[in-house]
N, C-alpha and C. Protein backbone atom coordinates (compact mmCIF):
# COMPACT_ATOMS: atom_id res chain seq x y z
N MET A 1 7.63 14.58 -15.03
CA MET A 1 8.23 13.27 -15.08
C MET A 1 8.91 12.91 -13.71
N ARG A 2 9.46 13.92 -13.12
CA ARG A 2 10.14 13.65 -11.76
C ARG A 2 9.12 13.21 -10.73
N ILE A 3 7.91 13.79 -10.74
CA ILE A 3 6.88 13.41 -9.81
C ILE A 3 6.45 11.95 -10.12
N VAL A 4 6.23 11.61 -11.34
CA VAL A 4 5.81 10.21 -11.63
C VAL A 4 6.92 9.18 -11.28
N ILE A 5 8.14 9.51 -11.58
CA ILE A 5 9.25 8.64 -11.23
C ILE A 5 9.35 8.47 -9.82
N GLY A 6 9.22 9.59 -9.01
CA GLY A 6 9.34 9.57 -7.60
C GLY A 6 8.21 8.69 -6.95
N ILE A 7 6.97 8.81 -7.43
CA ILE A 7 5.84 8.05 -6.89
C ILE A 7 6.15 6.50 -7.24
N THR A 8 6.59 6.28 -8.47
CA THR A 8 6.79 4.85 -8.83
C THR A 8 7.91 4.27 -8.03
N ASN A 9 9.00 5.01 -7.80
CA ASN A 9 10.10 4.51 -6.95
C ASN A 9 9.60 4.27 -5.49
N GLU A 10 8.77 5.11 -4.93
CA GLU A 10 8.31 4.91 -3.62
C GLU A 10 7.34 3.67 -3.54
N ILE A 11 6.49 3.52 -4.51
CA ILE A 11 5.63 2.24 -4.48
C ILE A 11 6.48 1.09 -4.67
N CYS A 12 7.48 1.09 -5.52
CA CYS A 12 8.33 -0.08 -5.69
C CYS A 12 9.12 -0.40 -4.40
N PHE A 13 9.59 0.66 -3.72
CA PHE A 13 10.23 0.42 -2.37
C PHE A 13 9.33 -0.15 -1.43
N LEU A 14 8.07 0.35 -1.30
CA LEU A 14 7.12 -0.18 -0.38
C LEU A 14 6.84 -1.69 -0.68
N HIS A 15 6.65 -1.95 -1.95
CA HIS A 15 6.28 -3.39 -2.28
C HIS A 15 7.44 -4.31 -2.12
N THR A 16 8.67 -3.92 -2.54
CA THR A 16 9.75 -4.91 -2.65
C THR A 16 10.63 -4.89 -1.34
N LYS A 17 10.89 -3.76 -0.83
CA LYS A 17 11.80 -3.66 0.32
C LYS A 17 11.07 -3.78 1.69
N GLU A 18 9.90 -3.23 1.72
CA GLU A 18 9.17 -3.16 3.02
C GLU A 18 8.01 -4.19 3.06
N ASN A 19 7.68 -4.75 1.93
CA ASN A 19 6.55 -5.69 1.87
C ASN A 19 5.25 -5.03 2.38
N ILE A 20 5.08 -3.76 1.98
CA ILE A 20 3.85 -3.04 2.40
C ILE A 20 3.07 -2.70 1.17
N ILE A 21 1.77 -2.88 1.30
CA ILE A 21 0.79 -2.50 0.28
C ILE A 21 0.08 -1.24 0.73
N HIS A 22 0.00 -0.19 -0.07
CA HIS A 22 -0.63 1.00 0.33
C HIS A 22 -2.14 0.76 0.53
N GLY A 23 -2.82 0.26 -0.51
CA GLY A 23 -4.18 -0.08 -0.35
C GLY A 23 -5.15 1.03 -0.64
N ASN A 24 -4.82 2.29 -0.68
CA ASN A 24 -5.69 3.31 -1.00
C ASN A 24 -4.92 4.46 -1.63
N LEU A 25 -4.09 4.13 -2.68
CA LEU A 25 -3.25 5.06 -3.33
C LEU A 25 -4.16 5.96 -4.22
N ALA A 26 -4.01 7.25 -3.97
CA ALA A 26 -4.76 8.25 -4.82
C ALA A 26 -3.92 9.54 -4.78
N SER A 27 -4.24 10.48 -5.69
CA SER A 27 -3.48 11.70 -5.77
C SER A 27 -3.58 12.47 -4.46
N SER A 28 -4.72 12.35 -3.74
CA SER A 28 -4.85 13.07 -2.47
C SER A 28 -3.88 12.47 -1.40
N ASN A 29 -3.27 11.32 -1.67
CA ASN A 29 -2.30 10.71 -0.74
C ASN A 29 -0.86 10.97 -1.18
N ILE A 30 -0.70 11.90 -2.11
CA ILE A 30 0.71 12.22 -2.66
C ILE A 30 0.93 13.69 -2.27
N LEU A 31 1.93 13.93 -1.43
CA LEU A 31 2.26 15.33 -1.08
C LEU A 31 3.58 15.66 -1.76
N LEU A 32 3.78 16.94 -2.07
CA LEU A 32 5.02 17.39 -2.72
C LEU A 32 5.83 18.23 -1.73
N ASP A 33 7.16 18.03 -1.64
CA ASP A 33 7.97 18.87 -0.75
C ASP A 33 8.34 20.19 -1.41
N GLU A 34 9.26 20.91 -0.87
CA GLU A 34 9.59 22.25 -1.45
C GLU A 34 10.27 22.07 -2.88
N GLN A 35 10.84 20.96 -3.16
CA GLN A 35 11.44 20.76 -4.49
C GLN A 35 10.50 19.97 -5.42
N ASN A 36 9.27 19.82 -5.08
CA ASN A 36 8.28 19.07 -5.79
C ASN A 36 8.60 17.61 -5.94
N ASN A 37 9.28 17.10 -4.91
CA ASN A 37 9.47 15.59 -4.80
C ASN A 37 8.25 14.99 -4.17
N PRO A 38 7.68 13.98 -4.68
CA PRO A 38 6.50 13.33 -4.04
C PRO A 38 6.78 12.53 -2.88
N LYS A 39 5.92 12.60 -1.93
CA LYS A 39 5.92 11.81 -0.73
C LYS A 39 4.56 11.09 -0.61
N ILE A 40 4.57 9.79 -0.46
CA ILE A 40 3.35 9.07 -0.31
C ILE A 40 2.95 9.01 1.16
N VAL A 41 1.68 9.45 1.46
CA VAL A 41 1.20 9.42 2.86
C VAL A 41 0.16 8.42 3.03
N ASP A 42 -0.27 8.18 4.21
CA ASP A 42 -1.28 7.22 4.58
C ASP A 42 -0.84 5.79 4.31
N VAL A 43 0.51 5.54 4.38
CA VAL A 43 1.01 4.24 4.11
C VAL A 43 0.68 3.28 5.29
N GLY A 44 0.19 2.13 4.99
CA GLY A 44 -0.08 1.14 5.97
C GLY A 44 -1.44 1.27 6.60
N LEU A 45 -2.20 2.31 6.33
CA LEU A 45 -3.51 2.51 6.97
C LEU A 45 -4.52 1.47 6.59
N SER A 46 -4.34 0.88 5.33
CA SER A 46 -5.28 -0.15 4.91
C SER A 46 -5.20 -1.38 5.83
N ARG A 47 -4.03 -1.68 6.30
CA ARG A 47 -3.83 -2.81 7.22
C ARG A 47 -4.59 -2.57 8.51
N LEU A 48 -4.51 -1.35 9.06
CA LEU A 48 -5.21 -1.03 10.30
C LEU A 48 -6.68 -1.10 10.05
N MET A 49 -7.15 -0.61 8.94
CA MET A 49 -8.62 -0.59 8.63
C MET A 49 -9.08 -2.10 8.50
N ILE A 50 -8.33 -2.90 7.87
CA ILE A 50 -8.70 -4.36 7.76
C ILE A 50 -8.71 -5.04 9.09
N THR A 51 -7.64 -4.76 9.87
CA THR A 51 -7.59 -5.26 11.22
C THR A 51 -8.74 -4.87 12.07
N ALA A 52 -9.25 -3.69 11.87
CA ALA A 52 -10.32 -3.13 12.63
C ALA A 52 -11.73 -3.67 12.18
N GLY A 53 -11.66 -4.50 11.16
CA GLY A 53 -12.90 -5.03 10.65
C GLY A 53 -13.45 -4.47 9.39
N ASN A 54 -12.81 -3.44 8.82
CA ASN A 54 -13.29 -2.83 7.57
C ASN A 54 -12.59 -3.39 6.40
N THR A 55 -13.23 -4.35 5.79
CA THR A 55 -12.57 -5.02 4.63
C THR A 55 -12.96 -4.42 3.33
N ASN A 56 -13.60 -3.25 3.35
CA ASN A 56 -14.08 -2.62 2.16
C ASN A 56 -13.12 -1.49 1.70
N VAL A 57 -11.88 -1.61 1.96
CA VAL A 57 -10.92 -0.54 1.60
C VAL A 57 -10.86 -0.37 0.10
N ILE A 58 -10.83 -1.47 -0.63
CA ILE A 58 -10.77 -1.37 -2.11
C ILE A 58 -12.05 -0.77 -2.69
N ALA A 59 -13.18 -1.11 -2.08
CA ALA A 59 -14.43 -0.54 -2.65
C ALA A 59 -14.44 0.96 -2.47
N ILE A 60 -13.90 1.51 -1.32
CA ILE A 60 -13.83 2.93 -1.06
C ILE A 60 -12.94 3.55 -2.08
N ALA A 61 -11.75 3.00 -2.36
CA ALA A 61 -10.88 3.58 -3.39
C ALA A 61 -11.45 3.46 -4.74
N GLY A 62 -12.18 2.39 -4.99
CA GLY A 62 -12.88 2.24 -6.32
C GLY A 62 -13.90 3.27 -6.59
N MET A 63 -14.62 3.70 -5.59
CA MET A 63 -15.61 4.72 -5.70
C MET A 63 -15.00 5.97 -6.21
N LEU A 64 -13.78 6.28 -5.84
CA LEU A 64 -13.07 7.51 -6.24
C LEU A 64 -12.49 7.37 -7.63
N GLY A 65 -12.53 6.19 -8.22
CA GLY A 65 -12.05 6.06 -9.61
C GLY A 65 -10.55 5.58 -9.67
N TYR A 66 -10.01 5.12 -8.52
CA TYR A 66 -8.63 4.61 -8.52
C TYR A 66 -8.52 3.10 -8.52
N CYS A 67 -9.60 2.38 -8.63
CA CYS A 67 -9.53 0.93 -8.59
C CYS A 67 -10.21 0.34 -9.82
N ALA A 68 -9.53 -0.59 -10.45
CA ALA A 68 -10.15 -1.25 -11.61
C ALA A 68 -11.37 -2.06 -11.19
N SER A 69 -12.36 -2.04 -12.01
CA SER A 69 -13.58 -2.69 -11.70
C SER A 69 -13.37 -4.17 -11.35
N GLU A 70 -12.55 -4.78 -12.08
CA GLU A 70 -12.31 -6.26 -11.86
C GLU A 70 -11.57 -6.45 -10.55
N LEU A 71 -10.83 -5.47 -10.00
CA LEU A 71 -10.13 -5.60 -8.80
C LEU A 71 -11.00 -5.22 -7.63
N SER A 72 -12.20 -4.57 -7.89
CA SER A 72 -12.99 -4.13 -6.76
C SER A 72 -13.67 -5.35 -6.11
N LYS A 73 -13.64 -6.50 -6.72
CA LYS A 73 -14.27 -7.66 -6.22
C LYS A 73 -13.32 -8.31 -5.12
N ILE A 74 -12.10 -7.93 -5.19
CA ILE A 74 -11.07 -8.32 -4.22
C ILE A 74 -11.27 -7.53 -2.89
N LYS A 75 -11.34 -8.22 -1.77
CA LYS A 75 -11.56 -7.46 -0.49
C LYS A 75 -10.29 -6.95 0.05
N ASN A 76 -9.13 -7.50 -0.29
CA ASN A 76 -7.81 -7.03 0.28
C ASN A 76 -7.08 -6.33 -0.81
N ALA A 77 -6.37 -5.33 -0.36
CA ALA A 77 -5.46 -4.62 -1.28
C ALA A 77 -4.30 -5.54 -1.65
N SER A 78 -3.70 -5.28 -2.84
CA SER A 78 -2.61 -6.05 -3.36
C SER A 78 -1.67 -5.08 -4.11
N THR A 79 -0.60 -5.68 -4.53
CA THR A 79 0.35 -4.87 -5.36
C THR A 79 -0.44 -4.52 -6.65
N LYS A 80 -1.24 -5.32 -7.17
CA LYS A 80 -1.99 -5.03 -8.42
C LYS A 80 -2.99 -3.80 -8.19
N THR A 81 -3.56 -3.70 -7.11
CA THR A 81 -4.47 -2.61 -6.86
C THR A 81 -3.67 -1.29 -6.72
N ASP A 82 -2.48 -1.35 -6.06
CA ASP A 82 -1.60 -0.18 -6.00
C ASP A 82 -1.08 0.24 -7.39
N VAL A 83 -0.69 -0.73 -8.20
CA VAL A 83 -0.14 -0.43 -9.54
C VAL A 83 -1.28 0.20 -10.46
N TYR A 84 -2.45 -0.34 -10.32
CA TYR A 84 -3.53 0.26 -11.15
C TYR A 84 -3.82 1.70 -10.70
N SER A 85 -3.85 1.99 -9.42
CA SER A 85 -4.01 3.24 -8.87
C SER A 85 -2.85 4.22 -9.30
N LEU A 86 -1.66 3.73 -9.35
CA LEU A 86 -0.56 4.50 -9.84
C LEU A 86 -0.72 4.88 -11.32
N GLY A 87 -1.29 3.99 -12.07
CA GLY A 87 -1.58 4.25 -13.47
C GLY A 87 -2.72 5.39 -13.59
N VAL A 88 -3.64 5.34 -12.74
CA VAL A 88 -4.71 6.36 -12.78
C VAL A 88 -4.11 7.72 -12.38
N ILE A 89 -3.21 7.73 -11.38
CA ILE A 89 -2.56 9.02 -11.07
C ILE A 89 -1.68 9.55 -12.15
N ILE A 90 -1.03 8.71 -12.93
CA ILE A 90 -0.30 9.14 -14.09
C ILE A 90 -1.22 9.72 -15.09
N LEU A 91 -2.42 9.09 -15.36
CA LEU A 91 -3.36 9.61 -16.29
C LEU A 91 -3.86 10.95 -15.83
N GLU A 92 -4.08 11.11 -14.51
CA GLU A 92 -4.49 12.42 -13.96
C GLU A 92 -3.48 13.51 -14.28
N LEU A 93 -2.24 13.21 -14.11
CA LEU A 93 -1.15 14.16 -14.40
C LEU A 93 -1.08 14.60 -15.86
N LEU A 94 -1.28 13.54 -16.73
CA LEU A 94 -1.21 13.79 -18.18
C LEU A 94 -2.41 14.54 -18.73
N THR A 95 -3.57 14.22 -18.22
CA THR A 95 -4.78 14.81 -18.74
C THR A 95 -5.33 16.01 -18.03
N GLY A 96 -4.88 16.19 -16.76
CA GLY A 96 -5.42 17.28 -15.95
C GLY A 96 -6.87 16.98 -15.54
N LYS A 97 -7.29 15.75 -15.61
CA LYS A 97 -8.65 15.36 -15.24
C LYS A 97 -8.67 14.55 -13.98
N SER A 98 -9.75 14.69 -13.26
CA SER A 98 -9.95 13.80 -12.07
C SER A 98 -10.38 12.43 -12.52
N PRO A 99 -10.02 11.35 -11.78
CA PRO A 99 -10.48 10.02 -12.18
C PRO A 99 -11.96 9.85 -12.05
N SER A 100 -12.61 10.58 -11.16
CA SER A 100 -14.02 10.41 -11.05
C SER A 100 -14.80 11.41 -11.90
N GLU A 101 -14.09 12.24 -12.69
CA GLU A 101 -14.72 13.16 -13.65
C GLU A 101 -15.11 12.31 -14.86
N ALA A 102 -16.38 12.15 -15.01
CA ALA A 102 -16.91 11.33 -16.13
C ALA A 102 -16.83 12.23 -17.37
N THR A 103 -16.24 11.63 -18.47
CA THR A 103 -16.18 12.27 -19.70
C THR A 103 -16.86 11.41 -20.76
N GLY A 104 -18.00 11.92 -21.18
CA GLY A 104 -18.78 11.19 -22.13
C GLY A 104 -19.31 9.92 -21.50
N GLY A 105 -19.56 9.87 -20.13
CA GLY A 105 -20.01 8.69 -19.47
C GLY A 105 -18.96 7.66 -19.23
N LEU A 106 -17.71 7.97 -19.51
CA LEU A 106 -16.56 7.07 -19.23
C LEU A 106 -15.80 7.51 -18.04
N ASP A 107 -15.15 6.54 -17.33
CA ASP A 107 -14.17 6.98 -16.35
C ASP A 107 -12.92 7.38 -16.96
N LEU A 108 -11.93 7.87 -16.26
CA LEU A 108 -10.71 8.40 -16.90
C LEU A 108 -9.95 7.33 -17.71
N PRO A 109 -9.72 6.14 -17.17
CA PRO A 109 -8.97 5.10 -18.01
C PRO A 109 -9.74 4.77 -19.21
N GLN A 110 -11.08 4.65 -19.14
CA GLN A 110 -11.96 4.26 -20.32
C GLN A 110 -11.81 5.41 -21.34
N TRP A 111 -11.92 6.65 -20.83
CA TRP A 111 -11.91 7.82 -21.73
C TRP A 111 -10.60 7.88 -22.50
N VAL A 112 -9.45 7.69 -21.78
CA VAL A 112 -8.08 7.70 -22.41
C VAL A 112 -8.04 6.55 -23.45
N ALA A 113 -8.51 5.36 -23.11
CA ALA A 113 -8.55 4.22 -24.08
C ALA A 113 -9.33 4.62 -25.35
N PHE A 114 -10.41 5.23 -25.21
CA PHE A 114 -11.30 5.69 -26.26
C PHE A 114 -10.62 6.70 -27.16
N ILE A 115 -9.91 7.65 -26.48
CA ILE A 115 -9.20 8.70 -27.28
C ILE A 115 -8.08 8.11 -28.06
N VAL A 116 -7.34 7.18 -27.46
CA VAL A 116 -6.25 6.57 -28.12
C VAL A 116 -6.71 5.71 -29.27
N LYS A 117 -7.89 4.99 -29.09
CA LYS A 117 -8.40 4.17 -30.12
C LYS A 117 -8.86 5.05 -31.30
N GLU A 118 -9.43 6.19 -31.03
CA GLU A 118 -9.94 7.09 -32.08
C GLU A 118 -8.81 7.93 -32.71
N GLU A 119 -7.55 7.80 -32.09
CA GLU A 119 -6.41 8.51 -32.54
C GLU A 119 -6.52 10.02 -32.36
N TRP A 120 -7.22 10.48 -31.32
CA TRP A 120 -7.28 11.87 -30.98
C TRP A 120 -6.33 12.13 -29.86
N THR A 121 -5.19 11.54 -29.89
CA THR A 121 -4.33 11.54 -28.74
C THR A 121 -3.85 12.93 -28.27
N ASN A 122 -3.62 13.81 -29.10
CA ASN A 122 -3.17 15.16 -28.66
C ASN A 122 -4.23 15.88 -27.85
N LYS A 123 -5.52 15.47 -28.00
CA LYS A 123 -6.61 16.12 -27.27
C LYS A 123 -6.69 15.64 -25.83
N MET A 124 -6.02 14.52 -25.55
CA MET A 124 -6.15 13.99 -24.22
C MET A 124 -5.23 14.69 -23.18
N PHE A 125 -4.13 15.29 -23.67
CA PHE A 125 -3.16 15.86 -22.77
C PHE A 125 -3.65 17.19 -22.22
N ASP A 126 -3.31 17.48 -20.99
CA ASP A 126 -3.66 18.73 -20.27
C ASP A 126 -3.09 19.95 -21.03
N VAL A 127 -3.88 20.96 -21.18
CA VAL A 127 -3.43 22.16 -21.91
C VAL A 127 -2.28 22.81 -21.26
N GLU A 128 -2.26 22.78 -19.93
CA GLU A 128 -1.08 23.45 -19.21
C GLU A 128 0.24 22.64 -19.43
N LEU A 129 0.05 21.37 -19.50
CA LEU A 129 1.25 20.46 -19.75
C LEU A 129 1.79 20.77 -21.21
N MET A 130 0.84 20.89 -22.14
CA MET A 130 1.31 21.20 -23.52
C MET A 130 1.87 22.63 -23.64
N ARG A 131 1.34 23.51 -22.85
CA ARG A 131 1.93 24.90 -22.97
C ARG A 131 3.31 24.94 -22.34
N ASP A 132 3.53 24.32 -21.19
CA ASP A 132 4.82 24.32 -20.56
C ASP A 132 5.95 23.53 -21.33
N ALA A 133 5.48 22.54 -22.10
CA ALA A 133 6.51 21.71 -22.90
C ALA A 133 5.83 21.41 -24.22
N PRO A 134 5.89 22.26 -25.20
CA PRO A 134 5.15 22.13 -26.44
C PRO A 134 5.43 20.88 -27.22
N ASN A 135 6.53 20.24 -27.07
CA ASN A 135 6.93 19.01 -27.83
C ASN A 135 6.66 17.80 -27.04
N ILE A 136 6.08 17.93 -25.85
CA ILE A 136 5.91 16.71 -24.96
C ILE A 136 4.93 15.75 -25.55
N SER A 137 3.93 16.18 -26.24
CA SER A 137 2.91 15.21 -26.80
C SER A 137 3.60 14.20 -27.71
N ASP A 138 4.50 14.70 -28.53
CA ASP A 138 5.24 13.81 -29.47
C ASP A 138 6.03 12.79 -28.63
N GLU A 139 6.73 13.26 -27.62
CA GLU A 139 7.52 12.38 -26.79
C GLU A 139 6.68 11.34 -26.05
N LEU A 140 5.51 11.80 -25.54
CA LEU A 140 4.62 10.89 -24.80
C LEU A 140 4.01 9.90 -25.66
N LEU A 141 3.67 10.31 -26.93
CA LEU A 141 3.05 9.34 -27.85
C LEU A 141 3.97 8.27 -28.28
N ILE A 142 5.26 8.68 -28.35
CA ILE A 142 6.28 7.61 -28.75
C ILE A 142 6.35 6.56 -27.70
N HIS A 143 6.31 6.96 -26.35
CA HIS A 143 6.52 6.05 -25.30
C HIS A 143 5.25 5.40 -25.02
C-alpha cells in the first residue's frame, strides 16, 4: 500500500504542482529506495521526445500494456494517460502479472474485469501478496 500511495502522490505532485505529464509511466520507471519508497524516473522525457519530433510516445507505452486503447489514438501524453498507466501498475502489484502478459487472450485490465465479472476475485490476487497478508483479499474486495 505504501508503494501505491507513494506513486500516486508523486503523480499528483507532478500533475498539480509542477504541471508535468510523465507520458510513459510504467513499472520499469518506478524505483524503490532503501525503505521501499517509490521514486518515479524518466520524468519529462516525453516532452523531449515530442520536441525531437517523436510524437508516438503514447503508442510506445501502449505496446507495453500501459495505455488504454482509446487513449492510444491521442498523440500527446495527458494526465489521463498517466492515470490509466498508474491503474495498470496497481493491477500489476495486486496480481503479480505483467501488463503485456496475455491471460486467456486478454490484457491485464481486461483480464481483471473478466475475473471480477465472473466473481472469481480471490483468484486474481498474487499468491505472494495473499501469503504475506492472508486477510488482504477481503480488505481489497471491500474497497
